[in-house]
Amino acid sequence: MEKTKNYFFTSESVTEGHPDKVCDLISDSILDAYLKKDINSRVAVETFISNGQVVVAGQITSNAITNIEKIVRNTLKTVGYDDERYNMDYRTCKVEINIIKQSLDIATGVDTR
C-alpha cells in the first residue's frame, strides 16, 4: 500500500498597489531601462519599501547609464504613493541605492564565450 503524505499548500496573493507588487515593478522598471540602452546588461536587483524609504540593492553590469533614483520616484508616483500620511510620498521619501558590479564568479558561471 502506498503511503500518502500530508502537507499544507499556502500562497500569498496581493492586490495592485501592495508594497510587494510596487517593489517588483520598481525592479522590473530598472531592468527595462538598462536593457533598453544595452541589450547585454546583466541586472540582478531587489527593492524593499518601508515607512518612507526605498532601498534598491544588487548587482548590475552594463554599458548603460541609468538614473535609478528617478526610476524609483517615477514608479512610486505612477502607482499613487504620494502622501506622507500613509508613510510614502514619492517626492520626499528616502531612496537608498546599493548597487555594485556583478561578481566575476557569477559571470564565470553564466558566460558561454
N, C-alpha and C. Protein backbone atom coordinates (compact mmCIF):
# COMPACT_ATOMS: atom_id res chain seq x y z
N MET A 1 0.84 -1.17 0.00
CA MET A 1 0.00 0.00 0.00
C MET A 1 0.89 1.25 0.00
N GLU A 2 0.56 2.18 -0.84
CA GLU A 2 1.33 3.42 -0.96
C GLU A 2 0.94 4.40 0.15
N LYS A 3 1.94 4.91 0.80
CA LYS A 3 1.70 5.85 1.89
C LYS A 3 1.54 7.27 1.33
N THR A 4 0.49 7.94 1.72
CA THR A 4 0.30 9.32 1.26
C THR A 4 0.91 10.28 2.26
N LYS A 5 1.40 11.37 1.74
CA LYS A 5 1.99 12.40 2.58
C LYS A 5 0.97 13.50 2.81
N ASN A 6 0.90 13.95 4.02
CA ASN A 6 0.04 15.09 4.33
C ASN A 6 0.90 16.35 4.34
N TYR A 7 0.41 17.37 3.70
CA TYR A 7 1.12 18.63 3.69
C TYR A 7 0.12 19.76 3.46
N PHE A 8 0.56 20.97 3.77
CA PHE A 8 -0.25 22.15 3.55
C PHE A 8 0.37 22.96 2.42
N PHE A 9 -0.46 23.41 1.53
CA PHE A 9 0.00 24.30 0.46
C PHE A 9 -0.53 25.69 0.77
N THR A 10 0.36 26.65 0.82
CA THR A 10 -0.07 28.03 1.06
C THR A 10 0.48 28.92 -0.03
N SER A 11 -0.20 30.00 -0.26
CA SER A 11 0.31 31.01 -1.19
C SER A 11 -0.25 32.36 -0.79
N GLU A 12 0.44 33.39 -1.22
CA GLU A 12 0.02 34.75 -0.91
C GLU A 12 -0.40 35.43 -2.20
N SER A 13 -1.47 36.14 -2.14
CA SER A 13 -1.93 36.93 -3.28
C SER A 13 -2.16 38.35 -2.79
N VAL A 14 -1.54 39.29 -3.47
CA VAL A 14 -1.69 40.68 -3.08
C VAL A 14 -2.26 41.47 -4.25
N THR A 15 -2.88 42.59 -3.93
CA THR A 15 -3.53 43.38 -4.96
C THR A 15 -2.64 44.51 -5.45
N GLU A 16 -3.07 45.13 -6.53
CA GLU A 16 -2.36 46.27 -7.11
C GLU A 16 -2.13 47.34 -6.05
N GLY A 17 -0.93 47.91 -6.04
CA GLY A 17 -0.60 48.93 -5.06
C GLY A 17 0.03 48.40 -3.79
N HIS A 18 -0.03 47.10 -3.59
CA HIS A 18 0.60 46.48 -2.42
C HIS A 18 2.12 46.68 -2.53
N PRO A 19 2.80 46.96 -1.42
CA PRO A 19 4.25 47.19 -1.48
C PRO A 19 5.04 46.09 -2.19
N ASP A 20 4.65 44.83 -2.06
CA ASP A 20 5.36 43.75 -2.75
C ASP A 20 5.30 43.95 -4.26
N LYS A 21 4.14 44.29 -4.76
CA LYS A 21 3.99 44.50 -6.20
C LYS A 21 4.73 45.75 -6.65
N VAL A 22 4.71 46.79 -5.84
CA VAL A 22 5.43 48.02 -6.17
C VAL A 22 6.93 47.74 -6.24
N CYS A 23 7.43 46.97 -5.29
CA CYS A 23 8.86 46.60 -5.30
C CYS A 23 9.22 45.86 -6.59
N ASP A 24 8.39 44.90 -6.97
CA ASP A 24 8.63 44.17 -8.21
C ASP A 24 8.59 45.11 -9.41
N LEU A 25 7.65 46.04 -9.41
CA LEU A 25 7.53 46.98 -10.52
C LEU A 25 8.77 47.87 -10.62
N ILE A 26 9.28 48.33 -9.49
CA ILE A 26 10.50 49.15 -9.50
C ILE A 26 11.67 48.34 -10.05
N SER A 27 11.86 47.13 -9.54
CA SER A 27 12.97 46.29 -10.01
C SER A 27 12.84 46.01 -11.51
N ASP A 28 11.63 45.70 -11.96
CA ASP A 28 11.40 45.44 -13.39
C ASP A 28 11.66 46.68 -14.23
N SER A 29 11.28 47.84 -13.72
CA SER A 29 11.50 49.10 -14.45
C SER A 29 12.98 49.41 -14.58
N ILE A 30 13.75 49.09 -13.55
CA ILE A 30 15.20 49.28 -13.62
C ILE A 30 15.79 48.35 -14.67
N LEU A 31 15.38 47.10 -14.66
CA LEU A 31 15.84 46.14 -15.66
C LEU A 31 15.51 46.63 -17.07
N ASP A 32 14.27 47.05 -17.29
CA ASP A 32 13.85 47.53 -18.61
C ASP A 32 14.69 48.72 -19.07
N ALA A 33 14.97 49.64 -18.15
CA ALA A 33 15.75 50.83 -18.51
C ALA A 33 17.16 50.45 -18.96
N TYR A 34 17.77 49.50 -18.28
CA TYR A 34 19.11 49.08 -18.68
C TYR A 34 19.08 48.33 -20.00
N LEU A 35 18.14 47.41 -20.17
CA LEU A 35 18.08 46.64 -21.40
C LEU A 35 17.75 47.51 -22.61
N LYS A 36 17.00 48.57 -22.38
CA LYS A 36 16.66 49.49 -23.47
C LYS A 36 17.91 50.17 -24.03
N LYS A 37 18.88 50.42 -23.16
CA LYS A 37 20.11 51.11 -23.57
C LYS A 37 21.25 50.15 -23.90
N ASP A 38 21.23 48.96 -23.32
CA ASP A 38 22.29 47.97 -23.53
C ASP A 38 21.69 46.58 -23.40
N ILE A 39 21.45 45.94 -24.52
CA ILE A 39 20.79 44.64 -24.54
C ILE A 39 21.60 43.57 -23.80
N ASN A 40 22.88 43.80 -23.61
CA ASN A 40 23.73 42.83 -22.92
C ASN A 40 23.86 43.11 -21.42
N SER A 41 23.05 44.00 -20.91
CA SER A 41 23.09 44.32 -19.48
C SER A 41 22.75 43.10 -18.65
N ARG A 42 23.39 43.03 -17.50
CA ARG A 42 23.08 42.00 -16.51
C ARG A 42 22.61 42.72 -15.26
N VAL A 43 21.37 42.50 -14.93
CA VAL A 43 20.74 43.24 -13.84
C VAL A 43 20.13 42.25 -12.86
N ALA A 44 20.61 42.31 -11.63
CA ALA A 44 20.06 41.48 -10.55
C ALA A 44 19.82 42.42 -9.37
N VAL A 45 18.62 42.98 -9.30
CA VAL A 45 18.31 43.94 -8.24
C VAL A 45 17.05 43.53 -7.49
N GLU A 46 17.02 43.90 -6.24
CA GLU A 46 15.84 43.71 -5.38
C GLU A 46 15.49 45.07 -4.80
N THR A 47 14.21 45.26 -4.55
CA THR A 47 13.73 46.51 -3.99
C THR A 47 12.96 46.21 -2.72
N PHE A 48 13.14 47.08 -1.74
CA PHE A 48 12.47 46.97 -0.45
C PHE A 48 11.87 48.32 -0.09
N ILE A 49 10.60 48.31 0.33
CA ILE A 49 9.90 49.55 0.69
C ILE A 49 9.41 49.42 2.12
N SER A 50 9.66 50.48 2.91
CA SER A 50 9.13 50.51 4.26
C SER A 50 9.15 51.93 4.81
N ASN A 51 8.01 52.39 5.25
CA ASN A 51 7.89 53.61 6.04
C ASN A 51 8.73 54.78 5.53
N GLY A 52 8.40 55.25 4.33
CA GLY A 52 9.06 56.43 3.79
C GLY A 52 10.44 56.20 3.23
N GLN A 53 10.78 54.96 2.98
CA GLN A 53 12.11 54.65 2.46
C GLN A 53 12.04 53.53 1.43
N VAL A 54 12.86 53.68 0.40
CA VAL A 54 13.00 52.65 -0.63
C VAL A 54 14.48 52.29 -0.70
N VAL A 55 14.76 50.98 -0.68
CA VAL A 55 16.13 50.50 -0.82
C VAL A 55 16.18 49.64 -2.09
N VAL A 56 17.12 49.97 -2.96
CA VAL A 56 17.38 49.18 -4.16
C VAL A 56 18.80 48.65 -4.03
N ALA A 57 18.95 47.34 -4.09
CA ALA A 57 20.27 46.75 -3.92
C ALA A 57 20.45 45.60 -4.90
N GLY A 58 21.70 45.35 -5.23
CA GLY A 58 22.00 44.22 -6.09
C GLY A 58 23.24 44.44 -6.90
N GLN A 59 23.28 43.75 -8.04
CA GLN A 59 24.44 43.80 -8.92
C GLN A 59 24.02 44.11 -10.34
N ILE A 60 24.75 45.03 -10.96
CA ILE A 60 24.48 45.40 -12.35
C ILE A 60 25.80 45.52 -13.10
N THR A 61 25.84 44.89 -14.26
CA THR A 61 26.95 45.09 -15.19
C THR A 61 26.34 45.53 -16.51
N SER A 62 26.72 46.73 -16.95
CA SER A 62 26.12 47.29 -18.15
C SER A 62 26.98 48.44 -18.67
N ASN A 63 26.87 48.69 -19.96
CA ASN A 63 27.48 49.88 -20.55
C ASN A 63 26.52 51.07 -20.47
N ALA A 64 25.31 50.82 -20.05
CA ALA A 64 24.30 51.88 -19.95
C ALA A 64 24.45 52.65 -18.64
N ILE A 65 24.04 53.89 -18.70
CA ILE A 65 23.96 54.72 -17.50
C ILE A 65 22.49 55.05 -17.31
N THR A 66 21.97 54.76 -16.12
CA THR A 66 20.55 54.95 -15.83
C THR A 66 20.39 55.61 -14.48
N ASN A 67 19.43 56.51 -14.38
CA ASN A 67 19.15 57.20 -13.12
C ASN A 67 18.15 56.37 -12.31
N ILE A 68 18.67 55.54 -11.44
CA ILE A 68 17.83 54.62 -10.67
C ILE A 68 16.89 55.38 -9.74
N GLU A 69 17.37 56.43 -9.09
CA GLU A 69 16.50 57.18 -8.19
C GLU A 69 15.31 57.77 -8.95
N LYS A 70 15.54 58.26 -10.14
CA LYS A 70 14.44 58.81 -10.94
C LYS A 70 13.42 57.72 -11.29
N ILE A 71 13.90 56.53 -11.62
CA ILE A 71 13.01 55.41 -11.91
C ILE A 71 12.17 55.08 -10.68
N VAL A 72 12.81 55.04 -9.51
CA VAL A 72 12.09 54.75 -8.27
C VAL A 72 10.99 55.77 -8.04
N ARG A 73 11.33 57.05 -8.10
CA ARG A 73 10.36 58.11 -7.83
C ARG A 73 9.23 58.14 -8.86
N ASN A 74 9.56 57.94 -10.13
CA ASN A 74 8.51 57.91 -11.17
C ASN A 74 7.56 56.74 -10.98
N THR A 75 8.10 55.59 -10.59
CA THR A 75 7.26 54.42 -10.36
C THR A 75 6.33 54.66 -9.18
N LEU A 76 6.87 55.19 -8.08
CA LEU A 76 6.03 55.49 -6.92
C LEU A 76 4.94 56.49 -7.27
N LYS A 77 5.28 57.48 -8.07
CA LYS A 77 4.28 58.49 -8.50
C LYS A 77 3.18 57.82 -9.32
N THR A 78 3.59 56.96 -10.25
CA THR A 78 2.63 56.29 -11.13
C THR A 78 1.62 55.45 -10.36
N VAL A 79 2.06 54.78 -9.30
CA VAL A 79 1.14 53.92 -8.55
C VAL A 79 0.39 54.67 -7.45
N GLY A 80 0.70 55.97 -7.29
CA GLY A 80 -0.07 56.77 -6.35
C GLY A 80 0.49 56.87 -4.95
N TYR A 81 1.77 56.57 -4.78
CA TYR A 81 2.40 56.73 -3.47
C TYR A 81 2.81 58.20 -3.34
N ASP A 82 1.84 59.02 -2.90
CA ASP A 82 2.07 60.47 -2.91
C ASP A 82 1.57 61.18 -1.66
N ASP A 83 1.59 60.48 -0.52
CA ASP A 83 1.07 61.09 0.70
C ASP A 83 1.84 60.59 1.91
N GLU A 84 2.60 61.48 2.54
CA GLU A 84 3.38 61.11 3.72
C GLU A 84 2.50 60.57 4.85
N ARG A 85 1.24 60.97 4.89
CA ARG A 85 0.35 60.47 5.94
C ARG A 85 0.18 58.97 5.87
N TYR A 86 0.43 58.42 4.70
CA TYR A 86 0.33 56.96 4.53
C TYR A 86 1.72 56.34 4.40
N ASN A 87 2.72 57.05 4.91
CA ASN A 87 4.11 56.56 5.01
C ASN A 87 4.89 56.48 3.71
N MET A 88 4.39 57.08 2.61
CA MET A 88 5.18 57.06 1.39
C MET A 88 4.74 58.18 0.45
N ASP A 89 5.67 59.07 0.17
CA ASP A 89 5.46 60.14 -0.81
C ASP A 89 6.65 60.13 -1.74
N TYR A 90 6.41 59.94 -3.02
CA TYR A 90 7.50 59.82 -3.99
C TYR A 90 8.40 61.06 -3.99
N ARG A 91 7.86 62.20 -3.58
CA ARG A 91 8.64 63.44 -3.60
C ARG A 91 9.62 63.54 -2.43
N THR A 92 9.28 62.95 -1.29
CA THR A 92 10.07 63.17 -0.08
C THR A 92 10.69 61.91 0.52
N CYS A 93 10.36 60.74 -0.01
CA CYS A 93 10.88 59.51 0.58
C CYS A 93 12.39 59.42 0.40
N LYS A 94 13.01 58.70 1.28
CA LYS A 94 14.44 58.44 1.19
C LYS A 94 14.64 57.29 0.20
N VAL A 95 15.56 57.47 -0.74
CA VAL A 95 15.89 56.42 -1.70
C VAL A 95 17.35 56.04 -1.50
N GLU A 96 17.57 54.81 -1.10
CA GLU A 96 18.93 54.32 -0.89
C GLU A 96 19.26 53.32 -2.00
N ILE A 97 20.40 53.52 -2.63
CA ILE A 97 20.81 52.65 -3.73
C ILE A 97 22.14 52.01 -3.36
N ASN A 98 22.16 50.69 -3.37
CA ASN A 98 23.37 49.94 -3.05
C ASN A 98 23.59 48.94 -4.18
N ILE A 99 24.19 49.43 -5.26
CA ILE A 99 24.42 48.62 -6.45
C ILE A 99 25.92 48.47 -6.67
N ILE A 100 26.36 47.25 -6.92
CA ILE A 100 27.75 47.01 -7.27
C ILE A 100 27.81 46.29 -8.61
N LYS A 101 28.99 46.23 -9.18
CA LYS A 101 29.19 45.49 -10.42
C LYS A 101 29.03 44.00 -10.14
N GLN A 102 28.52 43.30 -11.13
CA GLN A 102 28.29 41.86 -10.97
C GLN A 102 29.58 41.13 -10.63
N SER A 103 29.46 40.21 -9.73
CA SER A 103 30.59 39.38 -9.30
C SER A 103 31.16 38.61 -10.49
N LEU A 104 32.48 38.54 -10.57
CA LEU A 104 33.12 37.75 -11.63
C LEU A 104 32.78 36.27 -11.51
N ASP A 105 32.51 35.81 -10.29
CA ASP A 105 32.11 34.41 -10.10
C ASP A 105 30.81 34.11 -10.81
N ILE A 106 29.87 35.04 -10.76
CA ILE A 106 28.59 34.84 -11.45
C ILE A 106 28.81 34.85 -12.96
N ALA A 107 29.60 35.81 -13.44
CA ALA A 107 29.87 35.89 -14.87
C ALA A 107 30.51 34.59 -15.38
N THR A 108 31.44 34.05 -14.61
CA THR A 108 32.10 32.81 -15.00
C THR A 108 31.09 31.68 -15.12
N GLY A 109 30.10 31.68 -14.24
CA GLY A 109 29.09 30.62 -14.26
C GLY A 109 28.09 30.72 -15.39
N VAL A 110 27.89 31.93 -15.94
CA VAL A 110 26.86 32.08 -16.98
C VAL A 110 27.39 32.42 -18.34
N ASP A 111 28.64 32.86 -18.42
CA ASP A 111 29.21 33.18 -19.74
C ASP A 111 29.45 31.90 -20.54
N THR A 112 29.15 31.98 -21.82
CA THR A 112 29.36 30.83 -22.69
C THR A 112 30.46 31.10 -23.71
N ARG A 113 31.02 32.28 -23.69
CA ARG A 113 32.04 32.64 -24.67
C ARG A 113 33.40 32.16 -24.22
